[in-house]
Amino acid sequence: MPEILSMIQINHLTPMPAVIAMCLLSICYLFTNNIYDLINYVGFATWLAIGLAVVCVPYLRWKQPDLPRPIKVNLIWPYIYILGSIFITVVPMIADPVSTLKGTGMILSGVPVYAIFIWWEKKPDFMLKMSGKLTEFLQRLMVVIPSEKKDKV
């Protein structure tokens, strides 16, 4: 993502640019004329994303059993959650495929953003300069700095 979204406001120590970005996205979502469609889109996308994240628990337990785990749960709970997530995402696909396709489109709209800002490593100089100047301008405007990174021990 753009570097500016990871910065924090100096006085309040809050992620002001990220909050503003979320507010702008939320305002865009409010332009829908049917709140139930919005709930379906966001609900489908949320349950799909969370369900896929929980799939990582048993997978990592199987592939990397020696990985340090600060919290270790019985595997029955992730499996129950995964089954619930599958149910909550598959039933709307059958009941209202158009809404779930729109929800999937919302999820996939992040692919170009990822491709441009993260995956594409050798960006042209003009893009790097433009991005740097925009980041610097927004830093000055919002009085934000990069957050500190903890050293790995």
N, C-alpha and C. Protein backbone atom coordinates (compact mmCIF):
# COMPACT_ATOMS: atom_id res chain seq x y z
N MET A 1 0.85 -1.18 0.00
CA MET A 1 0.00 0.00 0.00
C MET A 1 0.88 1.23 0.00
N PRO A 2 0.30 2.37 -0.30
CA PRO A 2 1.10 3.58 -0.26
C PRO A 2 1.69 3.80 1.13
N GLU A 3 2.92 4.25 1.17
CA GLU A 3 3.64 4.43 2.44
C GLU A 3 2.90 5.35 3.40
N ILE A 4 2.21 6.34 2.87
CA ILE A 4 1.53 7.33 3.71
C ILE A 4 0.51 6.67 4.63
N LEU A 5 -0.09 5.55 4.20
CA LEU A 5 -1.13 4.90 5.01
C LEU A 5 -0.58 4.27 6.28
N SER A 6 0.73 4.07 6.36
CA SER A 6 1.32 3.46 7.55
C SER A 6 1.84 4.49 8.54
N MET A 7 1.67 5.76 8.24
CA MET A 7 2.22 6.82 9.10
C MET A 7 1.25 7.21 10.20
N ILE A 8 1.83 7.80 11.27
CA ILE A 8 1.02 8.21 12.42
C ILE A 8 1.14 9.71 12.64
N GLN A 9 0.09 10.29 13.18
CA GLN A 9 0.05 11.72 13.48
C GLN A 9 0.93 11.99 14.70
N ILE A 10 1.72 13.05 14.63
CA ILE A 10 2.72 13.33 15.66
C ILE A 10 2.11 13.61 17.03
N ASN A 11 1.10 14.43 17.11
CA ASN A 11 0.54 14.85 18.40
C ASN A 11 -0.34 13.80 19.06
N HIS A 12 -1.14 13.11 18.26
CA HIS A 12 -2.13 12.18 18.83
C HIS A 12 -1.72 10.72 18.71
N LEU A 13 -0.63 10.45 17.99
CA LEU A 13 -0.14 9.09 17.76
C LEU A 13 -1.23 8.17 17.21
N THR A 14 -1.98 8.68 16.25
CA THR A 14 -3.04 7.92 15.60
C THR A 14 -2.69 7.75 14.12
N PRO A 15 -3.19 6.71 13.49
CA PRO A 15 -2.91 6.49 12.07
C PRO A 15 -3.83 7.35 11.19
N MET A 16 -3.67 8.66 11.27
CA MET A 16 -4.56 9.60 10.61
C MET A 16 -4.75 9.33 9.11
N PRO A 17 -3.69 9.11 8.31
CA PRO A 17 -3.92 8.88 6.88
C PRO A 17 -4.76 7.62 6.62
N ALA A 18 -4.54 6.56 7.38
CA ALA A 18 -5.32 5.34 7.19
C ALA A 18 -6.79 5.57 7.57
N VAL A 19 -7.01 6.33 8.63
CA VAL A 19 -8.39 6.63 9.05
C VAL A 19 -9.09 7.47 7.98
N ILE A 20 -8.41 8.45 7.44
CA ILE A 20 -9.00 9.29 6.39
C ILE A 20 -9.30 8.45 5.15
N ALA A 21 -8.39 7.54 4.79
CA ALA A 21 -8.63 6.67 3.64
C ALA A 21 -9.87 5.80 3.86
N MET A 22 -10.00 5.25 5.07
CA MET A 22 -11.18 4.43 5.38
C MET A 22 -12.46 5.26 5.35
N CYS A 23 -12.38 6.49 5.83
CA CYS A 23 -13.56 7.38 5.79
C CYS A 23 -13.98 7.64 4.35
N LEU A 24 -13.01 7.91 3.48
CA LEU A 24 -13.33 8.16 2.06
C LEU A 24 -13.95 6.93 1.41
N LEU A 25 -13.41 5.74 1.71
CA LEU A 25 -14.00 4.51 1.17
C LEU A 25 -15.42 4.31 1.71
N SER A 26 -15.61 4.59 2.99
CA SER A 26 -16.94 4.44 3.59
C SER A 26 -17.94 5.39 2.95
N ILE A 27 -17.53 6.60 2.66
CA ILE A 27 -18.41 7.56 1.99
C ILE A 27 -18.78 7.05 0.60
N CYS A 28 -17.81 6.46 -0.10
CA CYS A 28 -18.11 5.89 -1.42
C CYS A 28 -19.15 4.77 -1.30
N TYR A 29 -19.03 3.94 -0.27
CA TYR A 29 -19.98 2.86 -0.07
C TYR A 29 -21.38 3.38 0.24
N LEU A 30 -21.47 4.56 0.81
CA LEU A 30 -22.78 5.12 1.15
C LEU A 30 -23.59 5.55 -0.07
N PHE A 31 -22.95 5.61 -1.23
CA PHE A 31 -23.66 6.02 -2.43
C PHE A 31 -24.55 4.93 -3.01
N THR A 32 -24.52 3.73 -2.42
CA THR A 32 -25.42 2.69 -2.87
C THR A 32 -26.84 3.05 -2.46
N ASN A 33 -27.79 2.71 -3.31
CA ASN A 33 -29.18 3.08 -3.00
C ASN A 33 -29.91 1.97 -2.24
N ASN A 34 -29.24 0.85 -2.00
CA ASN A 34 -29.88 -0.25 -1.29
C ASN A 34 -28.93 -0.74 -0.20
N ILE A 35 -29.27 -0.46 1.05
CA ILE A 35 -28.41 -0.82 2.17
C ILE A 35 -28.26 -2.33 2.30
N TYR A 36 -29.28 -3.09 1.90
CA TYR A 36 -29.20 -4.55 1.99
C TYR A 36 -28.15 -5.11 1.02
N ASP A 37 -28.05 -4.50 -0.16
CA ASP A 37 -27.00 -4.92 -1.09
C ASP A 37 -25.62 -4.65 -0.49
N LEU A 38 -25.46 -3.50 0.11
CA LEU A 38 -24.17 -3.16 0.73
C LEU A 38 -23.82 -4.15 1.84
N ILE A 39 -24.82 -4.50 2.66
CA ILE A 39 -24.59 -5.48 3.72
C ILE A 39 -24.19 -6.83 3.12
N ASN A 40 -24.85 -7.22 2.04
CA ASN A 40 -24.50 -8.49 1.39
C ASN A 40 -23.08 -8.47 0.82
N TYR A 41 -22.71 -7.36 0.15
CA TYR A 41 -21.37 -7.27 -0.44
C TYR A 41 -20.30 -7.34 0.64
N VAL A 42 -20.45 -6.50 1.64
CA VAL A 42 -19.43 -6.42 2.69
C VAL A 42 -19.43 -7.68 3.54
N GLY A 43 -20.61 -8.21 3.85
CA GLY A 43 -20.69 -9.43 4.64
C GLY A 43 -20.03 -10.60 3.94
N PHE A 44 -20.31 -10.75 2.66
CA PHE A 44 -19.70 -11.83 1.89
C PHE A 44 -18.17 -11.67 1.86
N ALA A 45 -17.71 -10.47 1.56
CA ALA A 45 -16.26 -10.22 1.48
C ALA A 45 -15.59 -10.46 2.83
N THR A 46 -16.22 -10.01 3.89
CA THR A 46 -15.64 -10.16 5.23
C THR A 46 -15.54 -11.62 5.63
N TRP A 47 -16.63 -12.37 5.47
CA TRP A 47 -16.61 -13.78 5.87
C TRP A 47 -15.66 -14.59 5.01
N LEU A 48 -15.54 -14.24 3.73
CA LEU A 48 -14.61 -14.94 2.87
C LEU A 48 -13.17 -14.68 3.32
N ALA A 49 -12.84 -13.43 3.60
CA ALA A 49 -11.48 -13.07 4.01
C ALA A 49 -11.13 -13.69 5.37
N ILE A 50 -12.04 -13.60 6.33
CA ILE A 50 -11.77 -14.14 7.65
C ILE A 50 -11.68 -15.67 7.59
N GLY A 51 -12.57 -16.29 6.83
CA GLY A 51 -12.53 -17.75 6.68
C GLY A 51 -11.21 -18.21 6.09
N LEU A 52 -10.72 -17.51 5.07
CA LEU A 52 -9.43 -17.87 4.47
C LEU A 52 -8.29 -17.66 5.46
N ALA A 53 -8.39 -16.63 6.29
CA ALA A 53 -7.34 -16.40 7.30
C ALA A 53 -7.33 -17.52 8.34
N VAL A 54 -8.50 -18.01 8.73
CA VAL A 54 -8.57 -19.07 9.73
C VAL A 54 -8.09 -20.40 9.15
N VAL A 55 -8.21 -20.58 7.82
CA VAL A 55 -7.69 -21.78 7.18
C VAL A 55 -6.18 -21.91 7.42
N CYS A 56 -5.51 -20.79 7.63
CA CYS A 56 -4.07 -20.81 7.87
C CYS A 56 -3.70 -21.51 9.18
N VAL A 57 -4.58 -21.53 10.16
CA VAL A 57 -4.27 -22.13 11.46
C VAL A 57 -3.95 -23.62 11.32
N PRO A 58 -4.89 -24.43 10.80
CA PRO A 58 -4.53 -25.85 10.67
C PRO A 58 -3.44 -26.10 9.63
N TYR A 59 -3.41 -25.29 8.58
CA TYR A 59 -2.38 -25.47 7.55
C TYR A 59 -0.98 -25.27 8.12
N LEU A 60 -0.79 -24.18 8.88
CA LEU A 60 0.52 -23.92 9.47
C LEU A 60 0.84 -24.94 10.56
N ARG A 61 -0.17 -25.40 11.27
CA ARG A 61 0.06 -26.43 12.29
C ARG A 61 0.58 -27.71 11.64
N TRP A 62 0.11 -27.99 10.41
CA TRP A 62 0.51 -29.18 9.69
C TRP A 62 1.86 -28.99 9.00
N LYS A 63 2.04 -27.84 8.29
CA LYS A 63 3.26 -27.61 7.52
C LYS A 63 4.45 -27.17 8.36
N GLN A 64 4.20 -26.38 9.40
CA GLN A 64 5.29 -25.86 10.23
C GLN A 64 4.96 -26.09 11.71
N PRO A 65 5.03 -27.34 12.16
CA PRO A 65 4.63 -27.66 13.53
C PRO A 65 5.54 -27.06 14.61
N ASP A 66 6.78 -26.72 14.26
CA ASP A 66 7.71 -26.18 15.25
C ASP A 66 7.69 -24.66 15.34
N LEU A 67 6.84 -24.01 14.60
CA LEU A 67 6.73 -22.55 14.63
C LEU A 67 6.26 -22.10 16.01
N PRO A 68 6.89 -21.05 16.59
CA PRO A 68 6.43 -20.60 17.92
C PRO A 68 5.01 -20.04 17.84
N ARG A 69 4.18 -20.43 18.80
CA ARG A 69 2.79 -19.99 18.84
C ARG A 69 2.46 -19.45 20.23
N PRO A 70 2.27 -18.13 20.34
CA PRO A 70 1.94 -17.58 21.66
C PRO A 70 0.58 -18.06 22.16
N ILE A 71 -0.34 -18.32 21.23
CA ILE A 71 -1.66 -18.82 21.60
C ILE A 71 -1.90 -20.08 20.77
N LYS A 72 -2.18 -21.18 21.45
CA LYS A 72 -2.44 -22.43 20.76
C LYS A 72 -3.82 -22.92 21.16
N VAL A 73 -4.69 -23.11 20.17
CA VAL A 73 -6.05 -23.57 20.44
C VAL A 73 -6.23 -24.99 19.92
N ASN A 74 -7.22 -25.66 20.47
CA ASN A 74 -7.58 -26.98 19.97
C ASN A 74 -8.06 -26.81 18.53
N LEU A 75 -7.64 -27.69 17.62
CA LEU A 75 -7.97 -27.54 16.20
C LEU A 75 -9.45 -27.69 15.88
N ILE A 76 -10.24 -28.18 16.82
CA ILE A 76 -11.68 -28.31 16.57
C ILE A 76 -12.31 -26.93 16.32
N TRP A 77 -11.82 -25.91 17.03
CA TRP A 77 -12.42 -24.57 16.90
C TRP A 77 -12.16 -23.94 15.53
N PRO A 78 -10.95 -23.97 14.99
CA PRO A 78 -10.78 -23.46 13.63
C PRO A 78 -11.60 -24.24 12.60
N TYR A 79 -11.69 -25.57 12.77
CA TYR A 79 -12.47 -26.36 11.82
C TYR A 79 -13.96 -25.98 11.87
N ILE A 80 -14.50 -25.77 13.06
CA ILE A 80 -15.90 -25.33 13.19
C ILE A 80 -16.07 -23.96 12.53
N TYR A 81 -15.12 -23.07 12.78
CA TYR A 81 -15.20 -21.72 12.20
C TYR A 81 -15.11 -21.78 10.67
N ILE A 82 -14.23 -22.63 10.16
CA ILE A 82 -14.09 -22.77 8.71
C ILE A 82 -15.39 -23.30 8.10
N LEU A 83 -15.99 -24.30 8.73
CA LEU A 83 -17.28 -24.82 8.23
C LEU A 83 -18.36 -23.74 8.24
N GLY A 84 -18.40 -22.96 9.32
CA GLY A 84 -19.37 -21.85 9.38
C GLY A 84 -19.11 -20.82 8.30
N SER A 85 -17.86 -20.51 8.06
CA SER A 85 -17.51 -19.54 7.01
C SER A 85 -17.90 -20.04 5.63
N ILE A 86 -17.67 -21.34 5.41
CA ILE A 86 -18.06 -21.92 4.12
C ILE A 86 -19.57 -21.81 3.94
N PHE A 87 -20.32 -22.15 4.99
CA PHE A 87 -21.78 -22.06 4.91
C PHE A 87 -22.23 -20.63 4.64
N ILE A 88 -21.64 -19.68 5.38
CA ILE A 88 -22.06 -18.28 5.26
C ILE A 88 -21.68 -17.68 3.90
N THR A 89 -20.66 -18.22 3.23
CA THR A 89 -20.29 -17.69 1.92
C THR A 89 -20.94 -18.46 0.77
N VAL A 90 -21.19 -19.75 0.95
CA VAL A 90 -21.77 -20.54 -0.14
C VAL A 90 -23.27 -20.31 -0.28
N VAL A 91 -23.99 -20.20 0.82
CA VAL A 91 -25.45 -20.00 0.76
C VAL A 91 -25.80 -18.72 -0.01
N PRO A 92 -25.15 -17.57 0.25
CA PRO A 92 -25.47 -16.39 -0.57
C PRO A 92 -25.10 -16.57 -2.05
N MET A 93 -24.06 -17.36 -2.34
CA MET A 93 -23.71 -17.61 -3.75
C MET A 93 -24.86 -18.29 -4.48
N ILE A 94 -25.53 -19.18 -3.79
CA ILE A 94 -26.65 -19.91 -4.38
C ILE A 94 -27.89 -19.03 -4.40
N ALA A 95 -28.15 -18.33 -3.29
CA ALA A 95 -29.38 -17.54 -3.16
C ALA A 95 -29.36 -16.28 -4.02
N ASP A 96 -28.22 -15.60 -4.09
CA ASP A 96 -28.15 -14.33 -4.83
C ASP A 96 -26.78 -14.20 -5.50
N PRO A 97 -26.59 -14.90 -6.63
CA PRO A 97 -25.27 -14.91 -7.27
C PRO A 97 -24.81 -13.53 -7.75
N VAL A 98 -25.74 -12.65 -8.11
CA VAL A 98 -25.35 -11.32 -8.60
C VAL A 98 -24.68 -10.52 -7.49
N SER A 99 -25.25 -10.53 -6.30
CA SER A 99 -24.66 -9.80 -5.17
C SER A 99 -23.31 -10.37 -4.79
N THR A 100 -23.19 -11.71 -4.82
CA THR A 100 -21.90 -12.29 -4.46
C THR A 100 -20.85 -12.00 -5.52
N LEU A 101 -21.25 -11.92 -6.77
CA LEU A 101 -20.30 -11.51 -7.81
C LEU A 101 -19.84 -10.07 -7.60
N LYS A 102 -20.76 -9.21 -7.19
CA LYS A 102 -20.36 -7.83 -6.89
C LYS A 102 -19.43 -7.78 -5.69
N GLY A 103 -19.71 -8.59 -4.67
CA GLY A 103 -18.83 -8.66 -3.51
C GLY A 103 -17.45 -9.18 -3.89
N THR A 104 -17.42 -10.18 -4.77
CA THR A 104 -16.15 -10.69 -5.26
C THR A 104 -15.42 -9.62 -6.05
N GLY A 105 -16.15 -8.84 -6.81
CA GLY A 105 -15.55 -7.72 -7.55
C GLY A 105 -14.93 -6.70 -6.61
N MET A 106 -15.60 -6.44 -5.48
CA MET A 106 -15.04 -5.52 -4.49
C MET A 106 -13.72 -6.05 -3.95
N ILE A 107 -13.67 -7.35 -3.69
CA ILE A 107 -12.42 -7.95 -3.20
C ILE A 107 -11.34 -7.85 -4.25
N LEU A 108 -11.67 -8.20 -5.48
CA LEU A 108 -10.68 -8.20 -6.56
C LEU A 108 -10.24 -6.80 -6.97
N SER A 109 -10.98 -5.77 -6.55
CA SER A 109 -10.56 -4.40 -6.87
C SER A 109 -9.25 -4.04 -6.17
N GLY A 110 -8.87 -4.82 -5.16
CA GLY A 110 -7.60 -4.58 -4.49
C GLY A 110 -6.40 -5.15 -5.23
N VAL A 111 -6.64 -6.03 -6.20
CA VAL A 111 -5.53 -6.64 -6.94
C VAL A 111 -4.71 -5.61 -7.71
N PRO A 112 -5.32 -4.68 -8.45
CA PRO A 112 -4.49 -3.68 -9.14
C PRO A 112 -3.71 -2.79 -8.16
N VAL A 113 -4.31 -2.46 -7.03
CA VAL A 113 -3.61 -1.65 -6.02
C VAL A 113 -2.39 -2.41 -5.51
N TYR A 114 -2.57 -3.69 -5.21
CA TYR A 114 -1.45 -4.52 -4.76
C TYR A 114 -0.38 -4.61 -5.84
N ALA A 115 -0.81 -4.84 -7.07
CA ALA A 115 0.14 -5.00 -8.17
C ALA A 115 0.98 -3.73 -8.36
N ILE A 116 0.36 -2.57 -8.26
CA ILE A 116 1.09 -1.32 -8.50
C ILE A 116 1.98 -0.95 -7.32
N PHE A 117 1.46 -1.05 -6.10
CA PHE A 117 2.20 -0.53 -4.95
C PHE A 117 3.12 -1.55 -4.28
N ILE A 118 2.86 -2.85 -4.40
CA ILE A 118 3.66 -3.85 -3.69
C ILE A 118 4.43 -4.75 -4.65
N TRP A 119 3.74 -5.42 -5.53
CA TRP A 119 4.35 -6.44 -6.38
C TRP A 119 5.35 -5.85 -7.38
N TRP A 120 4.99 -4.73 -8.00
CA TRP A 120 5.82 -4.10 -9.02
C TRP A 120 7.01 -3.42 -8.35
N GLU A 121 8.18 -4.05 -8.43
CA GLU A 121 9.35 -3.54 -7.73
C GLU A 121 10.14 -2.51 -8.53
N LYS A 122 10.19 -2.65 -9.84
CA LYS A 122 11.01 -1.76 -10.68
C LYS A 122 10.14 -0.70 -11.35
N LYS A 123 9.63 0.21 -10.54
CA LYS A 123 8.79 1.28 -11.06
C LYS A 123 9.66 2.31 -11.79
N PRO A 124 9.12 2.99 -12.80
CA PRO A 124 9.89 4.04 -13.49
C PRO A 124 10.23 5.19 -12.53
N ASP A 125 11.31 5.88 -12.83
CA ASP A 125 11.78 6.98 -11.98
C ASP A 125 10.71 8.05 -11.77
N PHE A 126 9.96 8.40 -12.83
CA PHE A 126 8.95 9.45 -12.68
C PHE A 126 7.89 9.06 -11.68
N MET A 127 7.53 7.75 -11.63
CA MET A 127 6.53 7.30 -10.65
C MET A 127 7.09 7.37 -9.23
N LEU A 128 8.36 6.99 -9.07
CA LEU A 128 8.98 7.06 -7.75
C LEU A 128 9.07 8.51 -7.26
N LYS A 129 9.45 9.42 -8.17
CA LYS A 129 9.54 10.84 -7.80
C LYS A 129 8.16 11.39 -7.45
N MET A 130 7.19 11.08 -8.30
CA MET A 130 5.82 11.58 -8.06
C MET A 130 5.28 11.03 -6.73
N SER A 131 5.51 9.75 -6.48
CA SER A 131 5.05 9.14 -5.24
C SER A 131 5.74 9.77 -4.04
N GLY A 132 7.04 10.00 -4.15
CA GLY A 132 7.79 10.63 -3.06
C GLY A 132 7.31 12.03 -2.76
N LYS A 133 7.06 12.82 -3.82
CA LYS A 133 6.59 14.20 -3.62
C LYS A 133 5.19 14.21 -3.02
N LEU A 134 4.32 13.30 -3.48
CA LEU A 134 2.96 13.23 -2.94
C LEU A 134 3.00 12.80 -1.47
N THR A 135 3.85 11.82 -1.15
CA THR A 135 3.98 11.38 0.24
C THR A 135 4.48 12.52 1.12
N GLU A 136 5.49 13.24 0.65
CA GLU A 136 6.04 14.36 1.43
C GLU A 136 4.99 15.46 1.63
N PHE A 137 4.22 15.77 0.58
CA PHE A 137 3.17 16.78 0.70
C PHE A 137 2.12 16.37 1.73
N LEU A 138 1.68 15.10 1.65
CA LEU A 138 0.67 14.62 2.59
C LEU A 138 1.22 14.53 4.01
N GLN A 139 2.51 14.23 4.16
CA GLN A 139 3.12 14.22 5.49
C GLN A 139 3.07 15.61 6.10
N ARG A 140 3.41 16.60 5.33
CA ARG A 140 3.38 17.98 5.84
C ARG A 140 1.95 18.44 6.14
N LEU A 141 1.03 18.07 5.26
CA LEU A 141 -0.36 18.47 5.42
C LEU A 141 -0.98 17.88 6.69
N MET A 142 -0.73 16.59 6.93
CA MET A 142 -1.35 15.91 8.07
C MET A 142 -0.44 15.82 9.29
N VAL A 143 0.77 16.31 9.19
CA VAL A 143 1.77 16.27 10.26
C VAL A 143 1.93 14.82 10.76
N VAL A 144 2.37 13.97 9.85
CA VAL A 144 2.55 12.56 10.16
C VAL A 144 3.99 12.14 9.88
N ILE A 145 4.39 11.07 10.57
CA ILE A 145 5.74 10.51 10.39
C ILE A 145 5.61 8.99 10.28
N PRO A 146 6.64 8.33 9.73
CA PRO A 146 6.59 6.87 9.71
C PRO A 146 6.58 6.32 11.13
N SER A 147 5.82 5.26 11.32
CA SER A 147 5.79 4.63 12.65
C SER A 147 7.10 3.91 12.89
N GLU A 148 7.48 3.80 14.15
CA GLU A 148 8.73 3.13 14.50
C GLU A 148 8.59 1.63 14.26
N LYS A 149 9.67 1.03 13.83
CA LYS A 149 9.69 -0.41 13.66
C LYS A 149 10.53 -1.01 14.77
N LYS A 150 10.01 -2.08 15.39
CA LYS A 150 10.75 -2.74 16.46
C LYS A 150 11.85 -3.59 15.85
N ASP A 151 13.00 -3.59 16.50
CA ASP A 151 14.11 -4.42 16.05
C ASP A 151 13.81 -5.87 16.38
N LYS A 152 14.16 -6.75 15.46
CA LYS A 152 13.97 -8.19 15.71
C LYS A 152 15.11 -8.68 16.58
N VAL A 153 14.77 -9.44 17.59
CA VAL A 153 15.77 -9.96 18.51
C VAL A 153 16.16 -11.37 18.14
